[in-house]
């Protein structure tokens, strides 16, 4: 490829971008499934007067996923931040299930 080839028409770049788009779509669907399950957990916890969060489990999950991230050559700090963001959202849902 020479400098005159626009990135939008570069077939190699276009292939990478299609893969990224597919991964992004898969992530959205996986997150949707995860949240459907955690919402069911929130309803169960509310019906059974269980606390909306479980700090011990959360810390074990973070440690487990940090280790998996290291094994997968993914930044464990990023992984922890991402998981904490998800956990915070799940807890917010669980708290709203208690009041709803």
Protein backbone atom coordinates (compact mmCIF):
# COMPACT_ATOMS: atom_id res chain seq x y z
CA UNK A 1 0.00 0.00 0.00
CA UNK A 2 1.33 3.45 -0.83
CA UNK A 3 0.69 6.66 1.09
CA UNK A 4 -2.02 7.63 -1.42
CA UNK A 5 -4.36 4.72 -0.51
CA UNK A 6 -7.06 6.09 1.81
CA UNK A 7 -7.53 3.98 4.97
CA UNK A 8 -11.24 3.52 4.17
CA UNK A 9 -10.36 1.58 1.00
CA UNK A 10 -7.46 -0.41 2.45
CA UNK A 11 -8.65 -4.05 2.29
CA UNK A 12 -6.44 -5.19 5.17
CA UNK A 13 -7.70 -2.41 7.43
CA UNK A 14 -11.28 -3.09 6.32
CA UNK A 15 -10.86 -6.75 7.31
CA UNK A 16 -9.55 -5.80 10.74
CA UNK A 17 -12.43 -3.39 11.20
CA UNK A 18 -14.99 -6.06 10.27
CA UNK A 19 -13.46 -8.32 12.93
CA UNK A 20 -13.58 -5.52 15.50
CA UNK A 21 -17.22 -4.85 14.60
CA UNK A 22 -18.02 -8.54 15.09
CA UNK A 23 -16.26 -8.59 18.47
CA UNK A 24 -18.13 -5.46 19.56
CA UNK A 25 -21.46 -7.04 18.58
CA UNK A 26 -20.56 -10.22 20.47
CA UNK A 27 -19.63 -8.19 23.55
CA UNK A 28 -22.98 -6.39 23.49
CA UNK A 29 -24.87 -9.68 23.27
CA UNK A 30 -22.77 -11.29 26.01
CA UNK A 31 -23.31 -8.28 28.29
CA UNK A 32 -27.05 -8.39 27.59
CA UNK A 33 -27.16 -12.07 28.61
CA UNK A 34 -25.07 -11.35 31.71
CA UNK A 35 -27.40 -8.53 32.77
CA UNK A 36 -30.50 -10.65 32.19
CA UNK A 37 -29.04 -13.21 34.57
CA UNK A 38 -27.93 -10.67 37.16
CA UNK A 39 -31.38 -9.04 37.05
CA UNK A 40 -32.86 -12.44 37.89
CA UNK A 41 -30.38 -12.67 40.76
CA UNK A 42 -31.49 -9.21 41.92
CA UNK A 43 -35.14 -10.25 41.92
CA UNK A 44 -34.27 -13.44 43.82
CA UNK A 45 -32.26 -11.47 46.38
CA UNK A 46 -35.10 -8.97 46.83
CA UNK A 47 -37.70 -11.74 47.25
CA UNK A 48 -35.51 -13.50 49.82
CA UNK A 49 -34.35 -10.41 51.73
CA UNK A 50 -30.72 -10.97 50.71
CA UNK A 51 -28.29 -8.04 50.53
CA UNK A 52 -27.88 -6.47 47.07
CA UNK A 53 -24.11 -6.87 47.13
CA UNK A 54 -21.66 -9.55 48.22
CA UNK A 55 -18.27 -7.86 48.69
CA UNK A 56 -16.48 -11.17 49.35
CA UNK A 57 -17.70 -12.69 46.10
CA UNK A 58 -16.92 -9.50 44.21
CA UNK A 59 -13.31 -9.52 45.43
CA UNK A 60 -12.93 -13.24 44.59
CA UNK A 61 -14.31 -12.59 41.09
CA UNK A 62 -11.96 -9.67 40.55
CA UNK A 63 -8.96 -11.73 41.67
CA UNK A 64 -10.03 -14.64 39.45
CA UNK A 65 -10.55 -12.43 36.41
CA UNK A 66 -7.30 -10.52 36.97
CA UNK A 67 -5.51 -13.88 36.88
CA UNK A 68 -7.37 -14.87 33.70
CA UNK A 69 -6.46 -11.51 32.17
CA UNK A 70 -2.78 -12.05 32.93
CA UNK A 71 -2.93 -15.52 31.37
CA UNK A 72 -4.65 -14.04 28.29
CA UNK A 73 -2.06 -11.25 28.04
CA UNK A 74 -4.71 -8.61 28.79
CA UNK A 75 -4.01 -5.72 31.13
CA UNK A 76 -5.32 -6.84 34.56
CA UNK A 77 -5.84 -3.19 35.63
CA UNK A 78 -8.15 -2.62 32.65
CA UNK A 79 -9.92 -5.89 33.39
CA UNK A 80 -10.51 -4.91 37.02
CA UNK A 81 -11.81 -1.45 36.08
CA UNK A 82 -14.15 -2.99 33.51
CA UNK A 83 -15.43 -5.59 35.97
CA UNK A 84 -15.89 -3.05 38.76
CA UNK A 85 -17.95 -0.91 36.36
CA UNK A 86 -20.17 -3.93 35.60
CA UNK A 87 -20.45 -4.90 39.28
CA UNK A 88 -21.46 -1.34 40.22
CA UNK A 89 -24.18 -1.40 37.56
CA UNK A 90 -25.43 -4.80 38.75
CA UNK A 91 -25.60 -3.60 42.35
CA UNK A 92 -27.53 -0.52 41.21
CA UNK A 93 -30.02 -2.86 39.49
CA UNK A 94 -30.25 -5.04 42.61
CA UNK A 95 -30.96 -2.01 44.79
CA UNK A 96 -33.67 -0.81 42.44
CA UNK A 97 -35.22 -4.32 42.44
CA UNK A 98 -35.55 -4.02 46.23
CA UNK A 99 -37.37 -0.71 46.00
CA UNK A 100 -39.45 -1.63 42.96
